[in-house]
Amino acid sequence: FNSEDMQFIALGGRALKIALLMLPLSGFQVVSWAYFQAVGKPKQAMILTTTKQILFVIPLVIILPRFFGLDGVWIAMPVADFLEACLAAVLLFVEVRRLRELKSSLRTELNEGGL
């Protein structure tokens, strides 16, 4: 590392700013993975933990530099974070809907049973 090279420092600063744009979404992603792991849904947890790197980052690192040059490499990370957060939101939405339906059917069963 060379702390004397101002061009290198400027490039690194720009790369960090771009790559960490979606850092606030990381907490949501980690909680989503942990939720599915905790409730015994390893398939959903595995999908969320692997999709970012395999399905999103690798293709984006190949595609985006063609349009944005070196910035495309840095842009791949926040775009992948955003896509993974969207996927987590969809999986959680489906799970919440499933739980509501389960709750409703349990109430119906309890009411029909005379409890």
Protein backbone atom coordinates (compact mmCIF):
# COMPACT_ATOMS: atom_id res chain seq x y z
CA PHE A 1 0.00 0.00 0.00
CA ASN A 2 1.19 3.45 -0.79
CA SER A 3 -0.22 6.26 1.30
CA GLU A 4 1.73 8.78 -0.78
CA ASP A 5 -0.10 8.12 -4.05
CA MET A 6 -3.07 10.50 -4.10
CA GLN A 7 -4.56 8.97 -7.24
CA PHE A 8 -4.61 5.55 -5.53
CA ILE A 9 -6.20 7.04 -2.41
CA ALA A 10 -8.87 8.82 -4.47
CA LEU A 11 -9.64 5.62 -6.39
CA GLY A 12 -9.92 3.63 -3.15
CA GLY A 13 -12.18 6.26 -1.58
CA ARG A 14 -14.48 6.26 -4.58
CA ALA A 15 -14.58 2.45 -4.65
CA LEU A 16 -15.52 2.28 -0.96
CA LYS A 17 -18.25 4.89 -1.31
CA ILE A 18 -19.84 3.02 -4.21
CA ALA A 19 -19.39 -0.52 -2.85
CA LEU A 20 -20.88 0.33 0.55
CA LEU A 21 -23.96 2.24 -0.66
CA MET A 22 -26.34 -0.52 0.37
CA LEU A 23 -24.58 -1.41 3.62
CA PRO A 24 -27.68 -0.45 5.67
CA LEU A 25 -29.50 -3.38 4.03
CA SER A 26 -27.00 -5.86 5.47
CA GLY A 27 -28.79 -6.04 8.81
CA PHE A 28 -32.07 -6.91 7.13
CA GLN A 29 -30.35 -9.60 5.07
CA VAL A 30 -28.63 -11.19 8.07
CA VAL A 31 -31.86 -11.19 10.10
CA SER A 32 -33.67 -12.80 7.15
CA TRP A 33 -31.08 -15.59 6.88
CA ALA A 34 -31.15 -16.13 10.63
CA TYR A 35 -34.95 -16.23 10.72
CA PHE A 36 -35.21 -18.96 8.12
CA GLN A 37 -32.42 -20.91 9.78
CA ALA A 38 -34.09 -20.60 13.20
CA VAL A 39 -37.52 -21.77 12.04
CA GLY A 40 -36.11 -24.83 10.34
CA LYS A 41 -36.22 -23.63 6.74
CA PRO A 42 -32.67 -24.31 5.58
CA LYS A 43 -33.61 -24.12 1.89
CA GLN A 44 -34.66 -20.47 2.13
CA ALA A 45 -31.68 -19.66 4.38
CA MET A 46 -29.27 -21.26 1.92
CA ILE A 47 -30.88 -19.47 -1.02
CA LEU A 48 -30.40 -16.13 0.70
CA THR A 49 -26.83 -16.79 1.81
CA THR A 50 -25.59 -17.97 -1.57
CA THR A 51 -27.56 -15.94 -4.09
CA LYS A 52 -25.75 -12.67 -3.51
CA GLN A 53 -22.31 -14.05 -4.34
CA ILE A 54 -23.20 -16.68 -6.93
CA LEU A 55 -26.28 -15.43 -8.73
CA PHE A 56 -25.83 -11.68 -8.41
CA VAL A 57 -22.22 -10.55 -7.85
CA ILE A 58 -20.44 -12.77 -10.37
CA PRO A 59 -22.69 -11.92 -13.36
CA LEU A 60 -22.81 -8.24 -12.37
CA VAL A 61 -19.01 -8.03 -12.15
CA ILE A 62 -18.84 -9.45 -15.66
CA ILE A 63 -21.64 -7.31 -17.15
CA LEU A 64 -21.46 -3.89 -15.46
CA PRO A 65 -17.82 -3.00 -16.33
CA ARG A 66 -18.78 -3.18 -19.99
CA PHE A 67 -21.08 -0.21 -19.42
CA PHE A 68 -19.43 1.64 -16.52
CA GLY A 69 -15.75 0.70 -16.76
CA LEU A 70 -13.98 0.17 -13.44
CA ASP A 71 -16.93 1.72 -11.59
CA GLY A 72 -19.01 -1.23 -12.83
CA VAL A 73 -16.95 -3.53 -10.61
CA TRP A 74 -17.74 -1.38 -7.58
CA ILE A 75 -21.39 -0.90 -8.57
CA ALA A 76 -21.87 -4.69 -8.63
CA MET A 77 -21.78 -4.92 -4.83
CA PRO A 78 -24.59 -2.47 -3.97
CA VAL A 79 -26.72 -3.76 -6.84
CA ALA A 80 -26.25 -7.33 -5.56
CA ASP A 81 -27.11 -6.17 -2.02
CA PHE A 82 -30.28 -4.52 -3.28
CA LEU A 83 -31.32 -7.59 -5.29
CA GLU A 84 -30.68 -9.86 -2.33
CA ALA A 85 -32.72 -7.58 -0.05
CA CYS A 86 -35.58 -7.74 -2.58
CA LEU A 87 -35.34 -11.53 -2.65
CA ALA A 88 -35.33 -11.65 1.18
CA ALA A 89 -38.38 -9.37 1.27
CA VAL A 90 -40.26 -11.64 -1.15
CA LEU A 91 -39.37 -14.79 0.81
CA LEU A 92 -40.38 -13.14 4.09
CA PHE A 93 -43.64 -11.88 2.57
CA VAL A 94 -44.49 -15.42 1.44
CA GLU A 95 -43.60 -16.74 4.89
CA VAL A 96 -45.74 -14.15 6.71
CA ARG A 97 -48.68 -14.93 4.43
CA ARG A 98 -48.23 -18.66 5.09
CA LEU A 99 -48.16 -18.03 8.85
CA ARG A 100 -51.32 -15.91 8.68
CA GLU A 101 -53.13 -18.65 6.76
CA LEU A 102 -51.94 -21.22 9.30
CA LYS A 103 -53.16 -19.04 12.16
CA SER A 104 -56.54 -18.61 10.47
CA SER A 105 -56.95 -22.34 9.85
CA LEU A 106 -56.01 -23.12 13.46
CA ARG A 107 -58.61 -20.67 14.71
CA THR A 108 -61.21 -22.28 12.46
CA GLU A 109 -60.31 -25.73 13.77
CA LEU A 110 -60.51 -24.54 17.36
CA ASN A 111 -63.89 -22.87 16.78
CA GLU A 112 -65.29 -25.94 15.07
CA GLY A 113 -64.04 -28.13 17.89
CA GLY A 114 -66.07 -26.16 20.39
CA LEU A 115 -63.11 -24.68 22.21
